Protein backbone atom coordinates (compact mmCIF):
# COMPACT_ATOMS: atom_id res chain seq x y z
CA MET A 1 39.28 -5.97 12.63
CA LYS A 2 35.99 -4.63 11.87
CA ASN A 3 33.14 -6.77 10.75
CA PHE A 4 32.66 -5.54 7.16
CA ILE A 5 29.46 -7.17 5.70
CA LEU A 6 27.08 -8.03 8.45
CA THR A 7 24.56 -10.65 7.60
CA THR A 8 22.62 -11.23 11.00
CA CYS A 9 22.81 -9.79 14.53
CA ILE A 10 20.52 -10.70 17.38
CA ALA A 11 19.24 -7.80 19.27
CA LEU A 12 16.37 -5.61 20.53
CA ALA A 13 15.53 -2.01 20.55
CA CYS A 14 16.50 0.27 23.43
CA LEU A 15 16.87 3.64 25.10
CA THR A 16 20.07 5.79 24.72
CA ALA A 17 21.28 9.55 24.76
CA CYS A 18 21.56 11.50 21.65
CA VAL A 19 25.21 12.12 20.68
CA TYR A 20 25.74 16.15 21.35
CA GLU A 21 22.41 16.71 22.73
CA PRO A 22 20.98 17.96 26.06
CA GLU A 23 19.15 15.71 28.71
CA PRO A 24 15.70 14.70 27.35
CA PHE A 25 13.49 17.93 27.24
CA THR A 26 10.21 18.03 28.44
CA ALA A 27 7.80 20.34 26.31
CA THR A 28 5.81 22.95 28.18
CA GLU A 29 2.90 22.66 25.37
CA THR A 30 1.03 19.71 24.28
CA GLY A 31 2.89 19.14 21.35
CA THR A 32 -0.35 18.55 18.94
CA GLU A 33 -0.62 21.69 17.06
CA SER A 34 -1.26 21.02 13.16
CA ASN A 35 0.50 22.80 10.28
CA LYS A 36 -1.97 22.00 8.04
CA GLU A 37 -3.41 25.61 7.50
CA SER A 38 0.21 27.46 7.52
CA GLY A 39 3.49 28.26 9.22
CA SER A 40 4.27 30.91 11.66
CA VAL A 41 4.91 33.99 9.62
CA ALA A 42 8.18 35.93 10.35
CA GLU A 43 9.91 38.56 8.53
CA PHE A 44 12.54 36.23 7.47
CA GLY A 45 10.38 33.48 6.03
CA GLU A 46 7.63 30.97 7.35
CA LEU A 47 8.41 28.59 10.33
CA TYR A 48 6.65 25.02 10.41
CA SER A 49 6.90 23.17 13.74
CA ILE A 50 8.22 19.53 13.21
CA ASN A 51 6.98 16.90 15.56
CA GLY A 52 4.56 19.02 17.39
CA ASN A 53 6.47 20.59 20.44
CA PHE A 54 8.63 17.71 20.89
CA GLN A 55 12.41 17.07 20.77
CA VAL A 56 14.24 15.75 17.80
CA CYS A 57 17.94 15.61 16.98
CA ASN A 58 20.03 15.22 13.78
CA PRO A 59 17.78 17.36 11.68
CA SER A 60 18.70 16.72 7.90
CA VAL A 61 16.77 18.89 5.14
CA SER A 62 15.46 16.73 2.22
CA GLN A 63 18.06 16.31 -0.72
CA ASP A 64 15.16 14.94 -2.85
CA THR A 65 12.89 17.91 -3.91
CA VAL A 66 10.76 15.82 -6.17
CA ASN A 67 9.54 12.80 -4.16
CA TYR A 68 9.92 14.35 -0.67
CA PRO A 69 9.91 18.25 -0.91
CA ALA A 70 9.69 20.64 1.83
CA SER A 71 10.82 17.77 4.21
CA MET A 72 13.38 16.88 6.81
CA LEU A 73 14.79 13.55 8.11
CA TRP A 74 15.03 13.43 11.79
CA LEU A 75 15.54 11.26 14.99
CA ASN A 76 13.11 10.95 17.60
CA PHE A 77 13.13 10.84 21.47
CA LYS A 78 10.53 9.23 23.54
CA ASN A 79 7.58 11.54 22.20
CA ILE A 80 6.19 11.55 18.64
CA SER A 81 3.32 13.98 17.57
CA VAL A 82 3.05 13.67 13.83
CA ASP A 83 0.30 13.19 11.30
CA THR A 84 0.18 9.67 10.15
CA ASP A 85 -2.31 6.76 9.42
CA ASP A 86 0.01 4.28 8.85
CA SER A 87 -0.10 1.47 11.58
CA ALA A 88 3.50 0.43 10.89
CA TYR A 89 4.78 3.86 12.50
CA PRO A 90 3.32 3.61 15.91
CA THR A 91 3.12 7.06 18.16
CA ALA A 92 1.34 6.08 21.29
CA LYS A 93 4.11 6.84 24.14
CA LYS A 94 4.10 3.43 25.35
CA LEU A 95 5.25 2.03 21.81
CA VAL A 96 7.97 4.95 20.85
CA LYS A 97 11.37 4.10 22.17
CA GLN A 98 14.41 6.79 21.77
CA HIS A 99 16.05 6.53 18.46
CA ASP A 100 13.75 3.65 17.37
CA ARG A 101 13.13 4.98 13.65
CA LEU A 102 14.08 7.44 11.02
CA THR A 103 11.50 9.86 10.03
CA VAL A 104 10.89 12.11 7.05
CA SER A 105 8.17 14.64 7.53
CA ASP A 106 6.99 17.51 5.60
CA THR A 107 5.73 21.23 6.68
CA SER A 108 2.44 19.99 7.36
CA ASN A 109 3.76 17.73 10.10
CA LYS A 110 3.07 14.44 7.96
CA VAL A 111 5.33 11.42 7.68
CA VAL A 112 5.98 11.15 4.14
CA TRP A 113 8.71 8.34 4.65
CA PHE A 114 10.04 6.20 7.58
CA PHE A 115 12.34 3.36 8.40
CA MET A 116 11.69 1.43 11.66
CA ALA A 117 14.20 -0.49 13.89
CA ASP A 118 13.80 -4.20 13.43
CA SER A 119 14.81 -6.62 16.15
CA SER A 120 14.66 -9.62 13.38
CA GLU A 121 17.69 -7.66 11.85
CA GLY A 122 19.36 -7.15 15.20
CA ASP A 123 18.62 -3.51 15.25
CA CYS A 124 19.04 -1.79 18.87
CA LEU A 125 18.74 1.94 17.80
CA PHE A 126 19.80 4.46 15.07
CA GLN A 127 22.19 7.36 15.66
CA ASP A 128 23.37 10.38 13.56
CA PRO A 129 21.23 9.80 10.34
CA GLU A 130 22.05 12.32 7.18
CA TRP A 131 20.59 12.50 3.96
CA SER A 132 23.25 11.62 1.46
CA THR A 133 24.05 13.73 -1.51
CA HIS A 134 22.02 11.67 -3.78
CA GLY A 135 18.33 12.14 -2.61
CA GLY A 136 17.67 8.53 -2.98
CA PHE A 137 19.73 7.43 0.05
CA VAL A 138 20.31 8.12 3.52
CA VAL A 139 23.39 6.94 5.62
CA THR A 140 23.14 6.31 9.53
CA LEU A 141 24.82 4.69 12.68
CA ARG A 142 23.09 1.34 13.64
CA SER A 143 23.80 -0.41 16.88
CA PHE A 144 23.27 -3.89 18.08
CA ASP A 145 23.76 -5.86 21.43
CA LYS A 146 27.13 -7.59 20.93
CA THR A 147 26.24 -9.89 23.78
CA GLY A 148 22.63 -10.99 22.18
CA GLY A 149 21.10 -9.45 24.95
CA LYS A 150 18.43 -6.46 25.48
CA CYS A 151 20.55 -3.68 24.12
CA LYS A 152 22.04 -2.30 27.46
CA ASP A 153 24.00 0.97 26.71
CA GLU A 154 27.15 -0.81 27.96
CA ASN A 155 26.73 -3.84 25.51
CA GLN A 156 25.93 -1.81 22.17
CA ASP A 157 28.07 -1.80 19.33
CA TYR A 158 27.89 0.32 16.22
CA GLY A 159 28.22 -0.02 12.39
CA ILE A 160 27.53 2.30 9.48
CA MET A 161 24.88 1.30 6.88
CA ALA A 162 23.09 3.05 3.89
CA ILE A 163 19.37 2.70 3.50
CA ARG A 164 17.89 3.14 -0.27
CA MET A 165 14.57 5.29 0.20
CA VAL A 166 12.57 3.61 -2.61
CA ASP A 167 12.29 0.00 -1.03
CA LYS A 168 14.01 0.43 2.41
CA LYS A 169 16.81 -1.86 1.51
CA ARG A 170 20.03 -1.81 3.57
CA PHE A 171 23.48 -1.82 2.70
CA TYR A 172 26.36 -2.58 5.36
CA PHE A 173 29.59 -0.74 5.31
CA TYR A 174 30.68 -1.80 8.58
CA GLY A 175 28.54 -4.22 10.68
CA GLN A 176 30.60 -3.29 13.96
CA GLY A 177 33.57 -1.63 15.52
CA ILE A 178 32.28 1.92 14.64
CA SER A 179 32.57 4.80 17.39
CA ASP A 180 29.01 6.10 18.29
CA LYS A 181 30.44 9.63 17.28
CA SER A 182 31.58 8.79 13.92
CA THR A 183 28.81 10.89 12.20
CA PRO A 184 28.86 9.52 8.92
CA HIS A 185 28.09 11.06 5.56
CA LEU A 186 27.86 9.33 1.97
CA TRP A 187 28.49 10.87 -1.65
CA ILE A 188 26.93 9.01 -4.43
CA ASP A 189 27.35 9.99 -8.31
CA PRO A 190 24.40 12.19 -8.76
CA SER A 191 23.55 10.30 -12.03
CA ALA A 192 23.14 7.20 -10.48
CA GLN A 193 19.87 5.22 -11.32
CA VAL A 194 18.54 2.69 -9.04
CA ASP A 195 17.53 -0.86 -10.37
CA THR A 196 15.56 -2.44 -7.64
CA THR A 197 15.97 -5.67 -9.42
CA ALA A 198 19.66 -5.83 -9.27
CA ASP A 199 21.75 -7.50 -6.80
CA THR A 200 21.88 -5.37 -3.41
CA SER A 201 24.91 -7.27 -1.96
CA THR A 202 26.84 -5.31 -4.53
CA VAL A 203 27.97 -1.63 -4.45
CA GLU A 204 26.77 -1.21 -7.83
CA GLY A 205 23.64 -3.02 -7.62
CA PHE A 206 22.55 -1.13 -4.49
CA PHE A 207 23.49 2.22 -5.46
CA GLY A 208 22.99 2.05 -9.12
CA THR A 209 26.88 3.16 -9.45
CA ARG A 210 30.19 2.21 -8.12
CA ASN A 211 30.96 5.93 -7.93
CA VAL A 212 30.35 6.08 -3.92
CA ARG A 213 32.35 7.74 -1.27
CA LEU A 214 31.79 7.24 2.40
CA THR A 215 33.38 9.51 5.09
CA TYR A 216 33.17 9.35 9.07
CA VAL A 217 35.15 10.18 12.16
CA ASP A 218 37.48 7.70 13.83
CA PRO A 219 38.40 8.16 17.25
CA GLN A 220 42.13 7.45 16.81
CA ASP A 221 42.76 8.60 13.16
CA GLY A 222 40.00 11.49 13.07
CA ILE A 223 38.36 12.01 9.87
CA VAL A 224 38.72 9.11 7.28
CA PHE A 225 37.24 8.25 3.96
CA VAL A 226 36.76 5.27 1.44
CA ASP A 227 35.98 5.62 -2.08
CA LEU A 228 34.43 2.49 -3.75
CA SER A 229 34.82 3.54 -7.52
CA LYS A 230 37.15 0.68 -7.97
CA VAL A 231 35.30 -2.11 -5.92
CA GLU A 232 34.17 -4.89 -8.31
CA SER A 233 33.78 -7.75 -5.80
CA LEU A 234 33.01 -8.32 -2.12
CA GLU A 235 36.73 -9.17 -1.79
CA ASP A 236 37.44 -5.54 -3.03
CA LEU A 237 34.91 -4.12 -0.71
CA GLU A 238 36.37 -5.73 2.31
CA LYS A 239 39.89 -4.79 1.73
CA THR A 240 38.92 -1.20 0.74
CA LEU A 241 36.70 -0.69 3.93
CA ALA A 242 39.75 -2.32 5.93
CA LYS A 243 41.94 0.47 5.12
CA PRO A 244 40.26 3.83 5.20
CA GLN A 245 42.29 6.86 3.99
CA LYS A 246 43.14 9.50 6.66
CA LEU A 247 42.83 13.07 6.30
CA LYS A 248 45.21 15.25 7.99
CA LYS A 249 43.87 16.97 11.10
CA PRO A 250 43.78 20.56 12.10
CA SER A 251 46.72 21.63 13.89
CA GLY A 252 46.81 22.61 17.54
CA LEU A 253 43.50 20.77 18.32
CA LYS A 254 44.76 17.42 19.84
CA ASP A 255 42.25 16.79 22.45
CA TRP A 256 39.21 18.25 20.22
CA LEU A 257 36.62 16.12 18.89
CA LEU A 258 36.15 16.35 15.06
CA ASP A 259 32.39 15.90 13.81
CA SER A 260 30.10 15.73 11.08
CA PRO A 261 31.97 15.64 7.65
CA MET A 262 30.04 16.63 4.98
CA PHE A 263 30.65 16.01 1.37
CA SER A 264 30.61 18.62 -1.50
CA PRO A 265 28.36 18.03 -4.32
CA ASP A 266 31.12 16.76 -6.41
CA GLY A 267 32.68 14.63 -3.60
CA GLU A 268 35.80 16.25 -3.61
CA TYR A 269 35.79 18.16 -0.59
CA ILE A 270 34.36 18.26 3.07
CA VAL A 271 33.39 20.58 5.61
CA PHE A 272 33.37 19.69 9.17
CA ASN A 273 33.22 20.63 12.80
CA ALA A 274 36.02 20.51 15.70
CA PHE A 275 34.78 20.96 19.30
CA ASP A 276 36.77 21.40 22.65
CA GLY A 277 35.96 19.15 25.55
CA SER A 278 33.05 21.48 26.98
CA GLU A 279 31.42 21.65 23.32
CA THR A 280 31.20 25.39 23.97
CA SER A 281 34.12 26.31 21.70
CA TRP A 282 34.23 25.28 18.15
CA GLU A 283 35.65 25.78 14.73
CA SER A 284 34.70 24.69 11.27
CA TYR A 285 37.26 23.66 8.07
CA VAL A 286 36.87 22.89 4.52
CA GLN A 287 39.31 20.12 3.30
CA GLU A 288 40.10 18.61 0.02
CA LEU A 289 39.54 14.70 -0.08
CA SER A 290 43.15 13.67 -0.35
CA GLU A 291 45.63 12.39 2.36
CA THR A 292 47.76 15.11 1.58
CA SER A 293 45.50 17.96 1.83
CA SER A 294 45.52 20.44 4.78
CA PRO A 295 42.15 21.50 6.58
CA VAL A 296 41.20 25.21 5.97
CA LYS A 297 39.76 27.16 8.69
CA MET A 298 36.67 28.94 8.12
CA LYS A 299 37.41 32.46 9.54
CA VAL A 300 35.27 34.67 11.94
CA LEU A 301 34.75 37.65 10.02
CA ASP A 302 33.23 41.33 11.25
CA LYS A 303 29.59 41.10 12.21
CA MET A 304 29.89 37.23 13.01
CA MET A 305 28.88 36.26 16.59
CA SER A 306 30.81 33.07 16.59
CA PRO A 307 33.10 30.92 14.24
CA PRO A 308 30.73 28.92 11.88
CA ALA A 309 29.03 25.74 13.22
CA GLN A 310 27.28 22.73 11.42
CA PRO A 311 28.33 23.55 7.98
CA HIS A 312 26.84 22.28 5.01
CA TRP A 313 26.98 22.78 1.26
CA TYR A 314 24.47 24.57 -1.12
CA LYS A 315 24.97 24.56 -4.92
CA ASN A 316 22.81 27.07 -6.88
CA GLY A 317 23.56 26.47 -10.80
CA ASP A 318 27.29 26.79 -10.93
CA ARG A 319 27.76 28.74 -7.71
CA LEU A 320 28.78 26.80 -4.56
CA PHE A 321 28.04 28.02 -1.14
CA VAL A 322 28.52 27.13 2.66
CA VAL A 323 25.61 27.53 4.78
CA TRP A 324 26.20 27.47 8.74
CA THR A 325 24.65 28.59 11.98
CA GLU A 326 26.15 30.90 14.65
CA PHE A 327 25.69 30.85 18.27
CA PRO A 328 26.49 33.07 21.30
CA SER A 329 30.01 32.99 22.88
CA GLY A 330 29.85 30.26 25.76
CA SER A 331 26.84 28.46 24.45
CA LYS A 332 26.39 25.05 22.92
CA ILE A 333 25.58 24.23 19.32
CA LEU A 334 22.08 23.60 20.16
CA ASN A 335 18.67 25.34 19.31
CA LEU A 336 17.15 25.28 22.71
CA ASN A 337 14.43 28.10 21.76
CA ASP A 338 10.93 27.84 20.13
CA LEU A 339 11.51 29.98 17.12
CA ARG A 340 8.15 31.05 16.69
CA ASN A 341 8.52 33.23 19.69
CA PRO A 342 9.16 36.73 18.68
CA SER A 343 11.57 37.35 21.23
CA VAL A 344 14.36 34.96 19.81
CA GLN A 345 13.89 36.12 16.60
CA GLY A 346 16.26 38.99 16.65
CA GLY A 347 19.49 37.02 16.02
CA ASP A 348 20.55 36.96 19.91
CA TYR A 349 20.30 33.36 20.40
CA GLY A 350 21.86 32.46 17.12
CA ARG A 351 21.61 32.86 13.23
CA THR A 352 21.95 30.98 10.08
CA ALA A 353 24.48 32.54 7.30
CA MET A 354 26.09 31.67 3.96
CA ARG A 355 28.95 32.51 1.87
CA GLU A 356 30.00 31.32 -1.73
CA VAL A 357 33.24 29.55 -2.18
CA SER A 358 35.64 28.29 -5.03
CA LEU A 359 37.31 25.30 -4.97
CA LYS A 360 40.27 24.33 -6.76
CA HIS A 361 41.24 20.33 -6.99
CA GLY A 362 44.73 19.06 -6.73
CA GLY A 363 46.28 22.65 -6.85
CA PRO A 364 48.55 24.47 -4.53
CA ALA A 365 47.22 24.72 -0.89
CA ASP A 366 46.78 28.51 -0.78
CA PHE A 367 44.51 28.44 -3.75
CA ALA A 368 42.59 25.40 -2.75
CA VAL A 369 39.72 27.33 -1.01
CA GLU A 370 38.82 30.85 -2.02
CA TRP A 371 35.64 32.72 -0.29
CA VAL A 372 33.73 34.78 -2.68
CA GLY A 373 31.64 38.19 -1.53
CA ASP A 374 30.59 38.77 1.79
CA VAL A 375 28.74 36.65 4.32
CA ARG A 376 24.86 36.55 3.96
CA GLU A 377 22.43 36.12 6.65
CA LEU A 378 19.75 33.80 5.58
CA ALA A 379 17.88 34.03 8.77
CA PRO A 380 18.25 35.55 12.51
CA VAL A 381 17.53 32.09 14.08
CA PRO A 382 19.68 28.84 13.94
CA MET A 383 18.75 26.63 11.10
CA MET A 384 21.36 23.56 11.80
CA GLY A 385 20.10 21.02 9.22
CA GLY A 386 21.30 22.44 5.91
CA ARG A 387 19.42 24.18 2.86
CA SER A 388 17.47 22.27 0.25
CA PRO A 389 18.80 21.76 -3.24
CA ASP A 390 16.16 23.96 -4.49
CA GLY A 391 17.13 26.80 -2.19
CA ARG A 392 13.66 27.29 -0.66
CA PHE A 393 13.99 25.41 2.88
CA LEU A 394 16.03 25.49 6.10
CA ALA A 395 15.77 22.70 8.70
CA THR A 396 16.70 22.65 12.47
CA GLY A 397 16.14 20.56 15.75
CA THR A 398 17.28 19.98 19.35
CA ASN A 399 14.34 21.14 22.01
CA HIS A 400 12.31 22.07 19.08
CA ALA A 401 12.13 21.44 15.32
CA PHE A 402 11.26 23.58 12.42
CA MET A 403 11.60 23.95 8.68
CA LEU A 404 11.76 27.22 7.52
CA LYS A 405 10.51 28.41 4.11
CA LEU A 406 12.59 31.44 2.87
CA PRO A 407 10.84 34.27 1.49
């Protein structure tokens, strides 16, 4: 039985490896360049380096273009090189621990929001942060030491929590018993208005609405989801979280790992990845949020270099798109290159593409997902962190992190 509402855990911050990332990367440059004047201009847009030349993971483009325009959320390794004058955000190497904070920085490499691991709250570290569909919230895995010790890897357990950006308050969906590979995502009614004086222990008090959905990957059950729209009490919440609904798995992929489910803007569909054991073969799917729905595989079309990877939704007016990355055959879904180098800007090391899609809720399976028009190339480089709601920016990470301002 999972611990659903966590009140207290005792733990300290620690180090761990980032899920789905390579070994820690040592930059060959100083990692101190500034973006204050402008980015690196290429034919496909303007590139802005994030965190100097140092490694980051879990890039997630801003979903709030008012309070955090031209920004991305990311997770640090041991080196941080950013512009900040906030003493609560230490950058000296001896004070930085891997995955010890969530950071939002803009194209000038300035920290515009952050959330530090807090030992008084029992935090060891964070994993797989993702901006929710609502710009005012992020969701993340958070680990603690179940022995009450010093956060050794073998003693860590994970839970899922949401963070309210306006005041950095926490809401625990699960306090423990969650896989470190669960890659959660959160959908919140876009009309929700936060009341910081409301009771943050309730769904409606914390999010400004009960119309909230959570999805994540369970090692045994695959992708699961919970709908909190009918939750009116703590008892309701515990019962709902105790029995997440299961989505049908893709057929023929018994030993593959499902990864990174992402809600559509209306909260009715998800897109997600599937990997084989080597993580060099992958597929992506679209699926309606229903226990009776079947996943629809995203096809590889002419001129695509690989199956789609790291799919994200992008809405433009009444039109809906899926944005994805492609990588060369035999490689992993990782950005290992400095994208400012012209030699890697020709598409040979990956690219970012997009295609319009039409979704039909609750209808026959053969009409559930219909693709519209051709695949559009957005950039001849892999940008894995999605497209901003205003359409102007893409984000990426791994050995080097960038934001790309599209022409």
